[in-house]
Amino acid sequence: MIKVDEFVTHLQSFVEKFTELIGHDDQTLHYDVELERVIDQYSAFIVDPYNEKIWESLEFSPMVYHLVEELRQKSAYSVTIMEKIRAFRLLQHNEELTNYFQNIESCIQREFSHFAVTGSSKVLLVGSGSFPMTPLLIAKQTGAQVIGIDIDEEAVQLGRQVVGKVGDELNIQIDHCSVEELSVIHNITHIIFSSTVSCKYDILAQLYDLTNDDVVIAMRYGNGLKSLFNYPMEKVDPTKWHLVEQIFNPQQIFDIALYKKAERKGAKEYDLL
């Protein structure tokens, strides 16, 4: 069983591992395997209930706060690298799932049970990455139009190639743009935020004036121990956004907060489910 001091030592060890891997991307198979191994270990560490109990007993000194912020940034960047590796592998006919990606896909499947998407929906994913799993799964299972946007131009190019290879028949569009630059933003019915988008709540504030009254927002986030891998939930302007539901996934990487516009907070449950 891990004690508090050992827990902090584990955090420091993960920082060192991520720092080394980020700084030594030599494009070899050994590097790819090691990166996946560390991310899978980190994912397992974060969803361990015993570690959550230790997290709750931690004294958050400036050193611990620094560790948390550094881990969140470096683990997210490492995942960005691993998504690119997965995209390259798929494009080279050598793709396989790691535990991390299996966990994410499981999260997406659970999200569907609370996030009513149909063939007539228009879905936007903010932070689609190099391997756009969410657009592919949603479009394949529902027939909806799905748009993914990302600020990483290389990720956008890889994402387009992945979609072209495994989902060419699906109604998916991947763009390098911001929400305000998206011409169809007012027609979007559902918006999903990647949990690793640092400014997601700033973007949510922008979306109030850009979107229609019935839009549903699925904000992926991580509080507590999960904040080591995800940006946590933040308060919203109650005159603009209403938190309709929180979907907790104890054994999965992120949780989900569903929002609707405040004037719609009396909307019936079937608007979401």
C-alpha atoms as a PDB file:
ATOM      1  CA  MET A   1       0.000   0.000   0.000  1.00  0.00           C
ATOM      2  CA  ILE A   2       1.321   3.429  -0.959  1.00  0.00           C
ATOM      3  CA  LYS A   3       1.760   5.958   1.846  1.00  0.00           C
ATOM      4  CA  VAL A   4       1.623   9.742   1.416  1.00  0.00           C
ATOM      5  CA  ASP A   5       5.391  10.204   1.103  1.00  0.00           C
ATOM      6  CA  GLU A   6       5.587   7.335  -1.360  1.00  0.00           C
ATOM      7  CA  PHE A   7       2.655   8.842  -3.272  1.00  0.00           C
ATOM      8  CA  VAL A   8       4.500  12.142  -3.753  1.00  0.00           C
ATOM      9  CA  THR A   9       7.599  10.180  -4.767  1.00  0.00           C
ATOM     10  CA  HIS A  10       5.482   8.431  -7.411  1.00  0.00           C
ATOM     11  CA  LEU A  11       4.343  11.819  -8.726  1.00  0.00           C
ATOM     12  CA  GLN A  12       7.944  13.012  -8.942  1.00  0.00           C
ATOM     13  CA  SER A  13       8.910   9.790 -10.722  1.00  0.00           C
ATOM     14  CA  PHE A  14       6.169  10.295 -13.322  1.00  0.00           C
ATOM     15  CA  VAL A  15       7.342  13.877 -13.893  1.00  0.00           C
ATOM     16  CA  GLU A  16      10.872  12.585 -14.523  1.00  0.00           C
ATOM     17  CA  LYS A  17       9.649   9.851 -16.882  1.00  0.00           C
ATOM     18  CA  PHE A  18       7.453  12.203 -18.918  1.00  0.00           C
ATOM     19  CA  THR A  19      10.220  14.828 -19.057  1.00  0.00           C
ATOM     20  CA  GLU A  20      12.720  12.278 -20.338  1.00  0.00           C
ATOM     21  CA  LEU A  21      10.326  10.853 -22.916  1.00  0.00           C
ATOM     22  CA  ILE A  22       9.253  14.262 -24.211  1.00  0.00           C
ATOM     23  CA  GLY A  23      12.889  15.318 -24.533  1.00  0.00           C
ATOM     24  CA  HIS A  24      14.065  12.163 -26.311  1.00  0.00           C
ATOM     25  CA  ASP A  25      11.568  11.410 -29.045  1.00  0.00           C
ATOM     26  CA  ASP A  26      13.857   9.389 -31.298  1.00  0.00           C
ATOM     27  CA  GLN A  27      11.045   7.914 -33.436  1.00  0.00           C
ATOM     28  CA  THR A  28      12.128   4.335 -32.607  1.00  0.00           C
ATOM     29  CA  LEU A  29       9.916   1.399 -31.682  1.00  0.00           C
ATOM     30  CA  HIS A  30      11.553   1.301 -28.232  1.00  0.00           C
ATOM     31  CA  TYR A  31      10.538   4.911 -27.615  1.00  0.00           C
ATOM     32  CA  ASP A  32       6.958   4.242 -28.730  1.00  0.00           C
ATOM     33  CA  VAL A  33       6.631   1.194 -26.478  1.00  0.00           C
ATOM     34  CA  GLU A  34       8.111   2.998 -23.479  1.00  0.00           C
ATOM     35  CA  LEU A  35       5.843   6.027 -23.924  1.00  0.00           C
ATOM     36  CA  GLU A  36       2.767   3.798 -24.103  1.00  0.00           C
ATOM     37  CA  ARG A  37       3.929   1.836 -21.067  1.00  0.00           C
ATOM     38  CA  VAL A  38       4.361   4.967 -18.932  1.00  0.00           C
ATOM     39  CA  ILE A  39       1.015   6.466 -20.012  1.00  0.00           C
ATOM     40  CA  ASP A  40      -0.753   3.179 -19.278  1.00  0.00           C
ATOM     41  CA  GLN A  41       0.905   3.038 -15.847  1.00  0.00           C
ATOM     42  CA  TYR A  42      -0.099   6.650 -15.198  1.00  0.00           C
ATOM     43  CA  SER A  43      -3.696   5.956 -16.253  1.00  0.00           C
ATOM     44  CA  ALA A  44      -3.873   2.984 -13.859  1.00  0.00           C
ATOM     45  CA  PHE A  45      -2.381   5.121 -11.056  1.00  0.00           C
ATOM     46  CA  ILE A  46      -5.049   7.800 -11.531  1.00  0.00           C
ATOM     47  CA  VAL A  47      -8.070   5.473 -11.458  1.00  0.00           C
ATOM     48  CA  ASP A  48      -6.820   3.500  -8.432  1.00  0.00           C
ATOM     49  CA  PRO A  49      -9.342   4.106  -5.584  1.00  0.00           C
ATOM     50  CA  TYR A  50      -6.642   3.763  -2.928  1.00  0.00           C
ATOM     51  CA  ASN A  51      -4.589   6.527  -4.547  1.00  0.00           C
ATOM     52  CA  GLU A  52      -7.699   8.722  -4.539  1.00  0.00           C
ATOM     53  CA  LYS A  53      -7.899   8.322  -0.745  1.00  0.00           C
ATOM     54  CA  ILE A  54      -4.266   9.377  -0.377  1.00  0.00           C
ATOM     55  CA  TRP A  55      -4.908  12.348  -2.667  1.00  0.00           C
ATOM     56  CA  GLU A  56      -7.700  13.498  -0.339  1.00  0.00           C
ATOM     57  CA  SER A  57      -5.314  13.421   2.635  1.00  0.00           C
ATOM     58  CA  LEU A  58      -2.505  15.349   0.905  1.00  0.00           C
ATOM     59  CA  GLU A  59      -1.322  18.690   2.219  1.00  0.00           C
ATOM     60  CA  PHE A  60      -1.105  20.884  -0.865  1.00  0.00           C
ATOM     61  CA  SER A  61       2.176  22.689  -0.390  1.00  0.00           C
ATOM     62  CA  PRO A  62       3.559  24.876  -3.209  1.00  0.00           C
ATOM     63  CA  MET A  63       5.746  21.916  -4.198  1.00  0.00           C
ATOM     64  CA  VAL A  64       2.724  19.605  -4.573  1.00  0.00           C
ATOM     65  CA  TYR A  65       0.787  22.252  -6.536  1.00  0.00           C
ATOM     66  CA  HIS A  66       3.767  22.586  -8.872  1.00  0.00           C
ATOM     67  CA  LEU A  67       3.930  18.810  -9.320  1.00  0.00           C
ATOM     68  CA  VAL A  68       0.231  18.655 -10.168  1.00  0.00           C
ATOM     69  CA  GLU A  69       0.467  21.389 -12.785  1.00  0.00           C
ATOM     70  CA  GLU A  70       3.624  19.950 -14.298  1.00  0.00           C
ATOM     71  CA  LEU A  71       2.137  16.455 -14.481  1.00  0.00           C
ATOM     72  CA  ARG A  72      -1.063  17.698 -16.088  1.00  0.00           C
ATOM     73  CA  GLN A  73       0.844  19.553 -18.783  1.00  0.00           C
ATOM     74  CA  LYS A  74       3.444  16.875 -19.463  1.00  0.00           C
ATOM     75  CA  SER A  75       1.044  13.938 -19.435  1.00  0.00           C
ATOM     76  CA  ALA A  76      -1.291  15.782 -21.817  1.00  0.00           C
ATOM     77  CA  TYR A  77       1.624  16.561 -24.123  1.00  0.00           C
ATOM     78  CA  SER A  78       2.750  12.931 -23.952  1.00  0.00           C
ATOM     79  CA  VAL A  79      -0.744  11.834 -24.973  1.00  0.00           C
ATOM     80  CA  THR A  80      -0.540  14.255 -27.917  1.00  0.00           C
ATOM     81  CA  ILE A  81       2.665  12.513 -28.995  1.00  0.00           C
ATOM     82  CA  MET A  82       1.121   9.074 -28.522  1.00  0.00           C
ATOM     83  CA  GLU A  83      -1.945  10.043 -30.573  1.00  0.00           C
ATOM     84  CA  LYS A  84       0.397  11.008 -33.410  1.00  0.00           C
ATOM     85  CA  ILE A  85       2.203   7.686 -33.048  1.00  0.00           C
ATOM     86  CA  ARG A  86      -1.123   5.842 -33.200  1.00  0.00           C
ATOM     87  CA  ALA A  87      -2.104   7.813 -36.291  1.00  0.00           C
ATOM     88  CA  PHE A  88       1.213   7.010 -38.003  1.00  0.00           C
ATOM     89  CA  ARG A  89       0.815   3.329 -37.123  1.00  0.00           C
ATOM     90  CA  LEU A  90      -2.673   3.184 -38.547  1.00  0.00           C
ATOM     91  CA  LEU A  91      -1.555   4.886 -41.731  1.00  0.00           C
ATOM     92  CA  GLN A  92       1.268   2.326 -41.977  1.00  0.00           C
ATOM     93  CA  HIS A  93      -1.105  -0.636 -41.365  1.00  0.00           C
ATOM     94  CA  ASN A  94       0.358  -1.409 -37.941  1.00  0.00           C
ATOM     95  CA  GLU A  95      -2.119   0.017 -35.418  1.00  0.00           C
ATOM     96  CA  GLU A  96      -3.186  -1.563 -32.135  1.00  0.00           C
ATOM     97  CA  LEU A  97      -4.959  -0.331 -28.995  1.00  0.00           C
ATOM     98  CA  THR A  98      -3.109   0.488 -25.782  1.00  0.00           C
ATOM     99  CA  ASN A  99      -4.823   0.404 -22.396  1.00  0.00           C
ATOM    100  CA  TYR A 100      -5.083   4.200 -22.440  1.00  0.00           C
ATOM    101  CA  PHE A 101      -6.937   4.277 -25.746  1.00  0.00           C
ATOM    102  CA  GLN A 102      -9.216   1.426 -24.648  1.00  0.00           C
ATOM    103  CA  ASN A 103     -10.065   3.444 -21.542  1.00  0.00           C
ATOM    104  CA  ILE A 104     -10.872   6.536 -23.612  1.00  0.00           C
ATOM    105  CA  GLU A 105     -13.082   4.577 -25.999  1.00  0.00           C
ATOM    106  CA  SER A 106     -14.913   3.118 -23.015  1.00  0.00           C
ATOM    107  CA  CYS A 107     -15.502   6.667 -21.747  1.00  0.00           C
ATOM    108  CA  ILE A 108     -16.925   7.685 -25.114  1.00  0.00           C
ATOM    109  CA  GLN A 109     -19.300   4.722 -25.152  1.00  0.00           C
ATOM    110  CA  ARG A 110     -20.604   5.671 -21.694  1.00  0.00           C
ATOM    111  CA  GLU A 111     -20.957   9.273 -22.825  1.00  0.00           C
ATOM    112  CA  PHE A 112     -23.388   8.146 -25.538  1.00  0.00           C
ATOM    113  CA  SER A 113     -25.885   6.874 -22.958  1.00  0.00           C
ATOM    114  CA  HIS A 114     -26.329  10.426 -21.624  1.00  0.00           C
ATOM    115  CA  PHE A 115     -25.661  12.436 -24.772  1.00  0.00           C
ATOM    116  CA  ALA A 116     -28.544  11.972 -27.212  1.00  0.00           C
ATOM    117  CA  VAL A 117     -27.048  12.116 -30.702  1.00  0.00           C
ATOM    118  CA  THR A 118     -29.089  11.085 -33.753  1.00  0.00           C
ATOM    119  CA  GLY A 119     -28.532  11.031 -37.479  1.00  0.00           C
ATOM    120  CA  SER A 120     -29.807  14.610 -37.720  1.00  0.00           C
ATOM    121  CA  SER A 121     -27.435  15.958 -35.059  1.00  0.00           C
ATOM    122  CA  LYS A 122     -24.487  18.238 -35.805  1.00  0.00           C
ATOM    123  CA  VAL A 123     -21.705  17.518 -33.328  1.00  0.00           C
ATOM    124  CA  LEU A 124     -18.578  19.571 -32.629  1.00  0.00           C
ATOM    125  CA  LEU A 125     -15.515  18.210 -30.818  1.00  0.00           C
ATOM    126  CA  VAL A 126     -13.146  20.849 -29.466  1.00  0.00           C
ATOM    127  CA  GLY A 127      -9.650  19.341 -29.331  1.00  0.00           C
ATOM    128  CA  SER A 128      -9.986  16.467 -31.812  1.00  0.00           C
ATOM    129  CA  GLY A 129      -6.285  15.512 -31.833  1.00  0.00           C
ATOM    130  CA  SER A 130      -4.336  13.378 -34.289  1.00  0.00           C
ATOM    131  CA  PHE A 131      -6.495  10.295 -33.832  1.00  0.00           C
ATOM    132  CA  PRO A 132     -10.115  11.555 -33.768  1.00  0.00           C
ATOM    133  CA  MET A 133     -11.740   8.629 -31.948  1.00  0.00           C
ATOM    134  CA  THR A 134     -14.818  10.560 -30.832  1.00  0.00           C
ATOM    135  CA  PRO A 135     -15.801  11.813 -34.323  1.00  0.00           C
ATOM    136  CA  LEU A 136     -15.245   8.342 -35.778  1.00  0.00           C
ATOM    137  CA  LEU A 137     -17.310   6.568 -33.114  1.00  0.00           C
ATOM    138  CA  ILE A 138     -20.159   9.091 -33.144  1.00  0.00           C
ATOM    139  CA  ALA A 139     -20.414   9.287 -36.925  1.00  0.00           C
ATOM    140  CA  LYS A 140     -20.214   5.505 -37.308  1.00  0.00           C
ATOM    141  CA  GLN A 141     -22.789   4.697 -34.640  1.00  0.00           C
ATOM    142  CA  THR A 142     -25.295   7.490 -35.291  1.00  0.00           C
ATOM    143  CA  GLY A 143     -24.742   8.811 -38.814  1.00  0.00           C
ATOM    144  CA  ALA A 144     -24.480  12.352 -37.405  1.00  0.00           C
ATOM    145  CA  GLN A 145     -22.406  15.086 -38.988  1.00  0.00           C
ATOM    146  CA  VAL A 146     -19.314  15.553 -36.805  1.00  0.00           C
ATOM    147  CA  ILE A 147     -16.774  18.373 -36.906  1.00  0.00           C
ATOM    148  CA  GLY A 148     -13.481  18.222 -35.041  1.00  0.00           C
ATOM    149  CA  ILE A 149     -11.328  21.292 -34.473  1.00  0.00           C
ATOM    150  CA  ASP A 150      -7.808  21.558 -33.062  1.00  0.00           C
ATOM    151  CA  ILE A 151      -5.155  24.257 -32.720  1.00  0.00           C
ATOM    152  CA  ASP A 152      -2.352  21.814 -33.617  1.00  0.00           C
ATOM    153  CA  GLU A 153      -1.970  21.988 -37.397  1.00  0.00           C
ATOM    154  CA  GLU A 154      -0.035  18.704 -37.603  1.00  0.00           C
ATOM    155  CA  ALA A 155      -2.754  16.975 -35.557  1.00  0.00           C
ATOM    156  CA  VAL A 156      -5.387  18.293 -37.953  1.00  0.00           C
ATOM    157  CA  GLN A 157      -3.512  16.952 -40.973  1.00  0.00           C
ATOM    158  CA  LEU A 158      -3.044  13.544 -39.336  1.00  0.00           C
ATOM    159  CA  GLY A 159      -6.666  13.512 -38.181  1.00  0.00           C
ATOM    160  CA  ARG A 160      -7.860  14.106 -41.733  1.00  0.00           C
ATOM    161  CA  GLN A 161      -5.692  11.244 -43.001  1.00  0.00           C
ATOM    162  CA  VAL A 162      -6.991   8.888 -40.294  1.00  0.00           C
ATOM    163  CA  VAL A 163     -10.596   9.762 -41.139  1.00  0.00           C
ATOM    164  CA  GLY A 164      -9.828   9.304 -44.845  1.00  0.00           C
ATOM    165  CA  LYS A 165      -8.418   5.852 -44.161  1.00  0.00           C
ATOM    166  CA  VAL A 166     -11.004   4.376 -41.761  1.00  0.00           C
ATOM    167  CA  GLY A 167     -14.035   6.643 -42.096  1.00  0.00           C
ATOM    168  CA  ASP A 168     -14.058   8.037 -45.606  1.00  0.00           C
ATOM    169  CA  GLU A 169     -17.764   7.226 -45.970  1.00  0.00           C
ATOM    170  CA  LEU A 170     -18.635   9.066 -42.732  1.00  0.00           C
ATOM    171  CA  ASN A 171     -19.755  12.695 -42.453  1.00  0.00           C
ATOM    172  CA  ILE A 172     -16.673  13.956 -40.598  1.00  0.00           C
ATOM    173  CA  GLN A 173     -14.811  17.230 -41.045  1.00  0.00           C
ATOM    174  CA  ILE A 174     -11.549  18.121 -39.257  1.00  0.00           C
ATOM    175  CA  ASP A 175     -10.555  21.796 -39.212  1.00  0.00           C
ATOM    176  CA  HIS A 176      -7.734  23.979 -37.943  1.00  0.00           C
ATOM    177  CA  CYS A 177      -9.830  26.823 -36.559  1.00  0.00           C
ATOM    178  CA  SER A 178     -11.413  28.331 -33.441  1.00  0.00           C
ATOM    179  CA  VAL A 179     -15.104  28.129 -32.507  1.00  0.00           C
ATOM    180  CA  GLU A 180     -15.789  31.696 -33.646  1.00  0.00           C
ATOM    181  CA  GLU A 181     -14.282  30.924 -37.062  1.00  0.00           C
ATOM    182  CA  LEU A 182     -16.614  27.976 -37.610  1.00  0.00           C
ATOM    183  CA  SER A 183     -19.305  29.130 -40.051  1.00  0.00           C
ATOM    184  CA  VAL A 184     -21.855  26.511 -38.924  1.00  0.00           C
ATOM    185  CA  ILE A 185     -21.433  27.092 -35.194  1.00  0.00           C
ATOM    186  CA  HIS A 186     -25.023  28.329 -34.751  1.00  0.00           C
ATOM    187  CA  ASN A 187     -26.373  25.087 -36.211  1.00  0.00           C
ATOM    188  CA  ILE A 188     -24.368  22.809 -33.922  1.00  0.00           C
ATOM    189  CA  THR A 189     -26.590  20.696 -31.634  1.00  0.00           C
ATOM    190  CA  HIS A 190     -23.937  19.078 -29.409  1.00  0.00           C
ATOM    191  CA  ILE A 191     -20.467  20.238 -28.388  1.00  0.00           C
ATOM    192  CA  ILE A 192     -17.899  17.992 -26.695  1.00  0.00           C
ATOM    193  CA  PHE A 193     -14.757  19.355 -25.068  1.00  0.00           C
ATOM    194  CA  SER A 194     -11.610  17.271 -24.760  1.00  0.00           C
ATOM    195  CA  SER A 195     -10.539  17.047 -21.126  1.00  0.00           C
ATOM    196  CA  THR A 196      -7.019  18.260 -21.944  1.00  0.00           C
ATOM    197  CA  VAL A 197      -8.096  21.590 -23.500  1.00  0.00           C
ATOM    198  CA  SER A 198      -6.742  24.046 -20.942  1.00  0.00           C
ATOM    199  CA  CYS A 199      -8.983  27.005 -21.896  1.00  0.00           C
ATOM    200  CA  LYS A 200     -12.197  24.999 -22.312  1.00  0.00           C
ATOM    201  CA  TYR A 201     -14.208  27.119 -19.877  1.00  0.00           C
ATOM    202  CA  ASP A 202     -13.094  30.329 -21.607  1.00  0.00           C
ATOM    203  CA  ILE A 203     -14.330  28.812 -24.868  1.00  0.00           C
ATOM    204  CA  LEU A 204     -17.587  27.798 -23.171  1.00  0.00           C
ATOM    205  CA  ALA A 205     -18.133  31.442 -22.201  1.00  0.00           C
ATOM    206  CA  GLN A 206     -17.639  32.448 -25.859  1.00  0.00           C
ATOM    207  CA  LEU A 207     -20.129  29.843 -27.033  1.00  0.00           C
ATOM    208  CA  TYR A 208     -23.081  31.410 -25.240  1.00  0.00           C
ATOM    209  CA  ASP A 209     -23.491  34.121 -27.895  1.00  0.00           C
ATOM    210  CA  LEU A 210     -22.383  31.928 -30.802  1.00  0.00           C
ATOM    211  CA  THR A 211     -24.700  28.942 -30.363  1.00  0.00           C
ATOM    212  CA  ASN A 212     -28.439  28.225 -30.558  1.00  0.00           C
ATOM    213  CA  ASP A 213     -30.648  28.002 -27.465  1.00  0.00           C
ATOM    214  CA  ASP A 214     -30.894  24.206 -27.483  1.00  0.00           C
ATOM    215  CA  VAL A 215     -27.205  23.317 -27.739  1.00  0.00           C
ATOM    216  CA  VAL A 216     -25.956  20.644 -25.321  1.00  0.00           C
ATOM    217  CA  ILE A 217     -22.403  20.843 -23.984  1.00  0.00           C
ATOM    218  CA  ALA A 218     -20.475  17.782 -22.785  1.00  0.00           C
ATOM    219  CA  MET A 219     -17.463  19.012 -20.831  1.00  0.00           C
ATOM    220  CA  ARG A 220     -14.924  16.295 -20.140  1.00  0.00           C
ATOM    221  CA  TYR A 221     -12.977  17.063 -16.977  1.00  0.00           C
ATOM    222  CA  GLY A 222     -11.092  15.547 -14.083  1.00  0.00           C
ATOM    223  CA  ASN A 223     -11.294  16.644 -10.459  1.00  0.00           C
ATOM    224  CA  GLY A 224      -9.332  15.246  -7.527  1.00  0.00           C
ATOM    225  CA  LEU A 225      -6.741  12.681  -8.562  1.00  0.00           C
ATOM    226  CA  LYS A 226      -8.008  12.820 -12.150  1.00  0.00           C
ATOM    227  CA  SER A 227      -6.867  16.449 -12.323  1.00  0.00           C
ATOM    228  CA  LEU A 228      -3.361  15.043 -12.739  1.00  0.00           C
ATOM    229  CA  PHE A 229      -4.393  14.091 -16.283  1.00  0.00           C
ATOM    230  CA  ASN A 230      -7.282  16.473 -17.048  1.00  0.00           C
ATOM    231  CA  TYR A 231      -8.200  20.083 -16.497  1.00  0.00           C
ATOM    232  CA  PRO A 232     -10.763  20.229 -13.668  1.00  0.00           C
ATOM    233  CA  MET A 233     -14.300  21.543 -13.603  1.00  0.00           C
ATOM    234  CA  GLU A 234     -14.705  25.309 -13.148  1.00  0.00           C
ATOM    235  CA  LYS A 235     -17.581  27.511 -12.064  1.00  0.00           C
ATOM    236  CA  VAL A 236     -19.736  28.934 -14.857  1.00  0.00           C
ATOM    237  CA  ASP A 237     -21.789  32.099 -15.095  1.00  0.00           C
ATOM    238  CA  PRO A 238     -25.185  30.933 -13.732  1.00  0.00           C
ATOM    239  CA  THR A 239     -26.997  33.491 -15.870  1.00  0.00           C
ATOM    240  CA  LYS A 240     -25.612  31.778 -18.984  1.00  0.00           C
ATOM    241  CA  TRP A 241     -24.968  28.090 -18.326  1.00  0.00           C
ATOM    242  CA  HIS A 242     -26.718  25.505 -16.187  1.00  0.00           C
ATOM    243  CA  LEU A 243     -25.091  22.273 -15.037  1.00  0.00           C
ATOM    244  CA  VAL A 244     -27.680  19.639 -15.920  1.00  0.00           C
ATOM    245  CA  GLU A 245     -25.843  16.480 -14.918  1.00  0.00           C
ATOM    246  CA  GLN A 246     -22.471  15.068 -13.921  1.00  0.00           C
ATOM    247  CA  ILE A 247     -21.500  11.639 -15.220  1.00  0.00           C
ATOM    248  CA  PHE A 248     -18.944  10.004 -12.947  1.00  0.00           C
ATOM    249  CA  ASN A 249     -16.716   7.263 -14.342  1.00  0.00           C
ATOM    250  CA  PRO A 250     -14.793   5.831 -11.356  1.00  0.00           C
ATOM    251  CA  GLN A 251     -12.618   3.447 -13.378  1.00  0.00           C
ATOM    252  CA  GLN A 252     -12.129   5.746 -16.353  1.00  0.00           C
ATOM    253  CA  ILE A 253      -9.804   8.622 -17.120  1.00  0.00           C
ATOM    254  CA  PHE A 254     -12.267  11.515 -17.173  1.00  0.00           C
ATOM    255  CA  ASP A 255     -15.742  12.459 -15.959  1.00  0.00           C
ATOM    256  CA  ILE A 256     -18.344  14.461 -17.897  1.00  0.00           C
ATOM    257  CA  ALA A 257     -20.394  17.554 -17.043  1.00  0.00           C
ATOM    258  CA  LEU A 258     -23.461  18.303 -19.176  1.00  0.00           C
ATOM    259  CA  TYR A 259     -24.504  21.936 -19.601  1.00  0.00           C
ATOM    260  CA  LYS A 260     -27.396  23.741 -21.258  1.00  0.00           C
ATOM    261  CA  LYS A 261     -28.140  27.433 -21.510  1.00  0.00           C
ATOM    262  CA  ALA A 262     -29.528  28.902 -18.303  1.00  0.00           C
ATOM    263  CA  GLU A 263     -32.885  29.907 -19.745  1.00  0.00           C
ATOM    264  CA  ARG A 264     -33.322  26.247 -20.618  1.00  0.00           C
ATOM    265  CA  LYS A 265     -32.567  24.905 -17.149  1.00  0.00           C
ATOM    266  CA  GLY A 266     -36.171  23.816 -16.778  1.00  0.00           C
ATOM    267  CA  ALA A 267     -35.871  21.650 -19.898  1.00  0.00           C
ATOM    268  CA  LYS A 268     -37.265  18.169 -19.525  1.00  0.00           C
ATOM    269  CA  GLU A 269     -34.962  15.226 -19.033  1.00  0.00           C
ATOM    270  CA  TYR A 270     -35.697  13.786 -22.470  1.00  0.00           C
ATOM    271  CA  ASP A 271     -33.946  16.792 -24.012  1.00  0.00           C
ATOM    272  CA  LEU A 272     -30.689  15.154 -22.892  1.00  0.00           C
ATOM    273  CA  LEU A 273     -31.271  11.453 -22.501  1.00  0.00           C
END
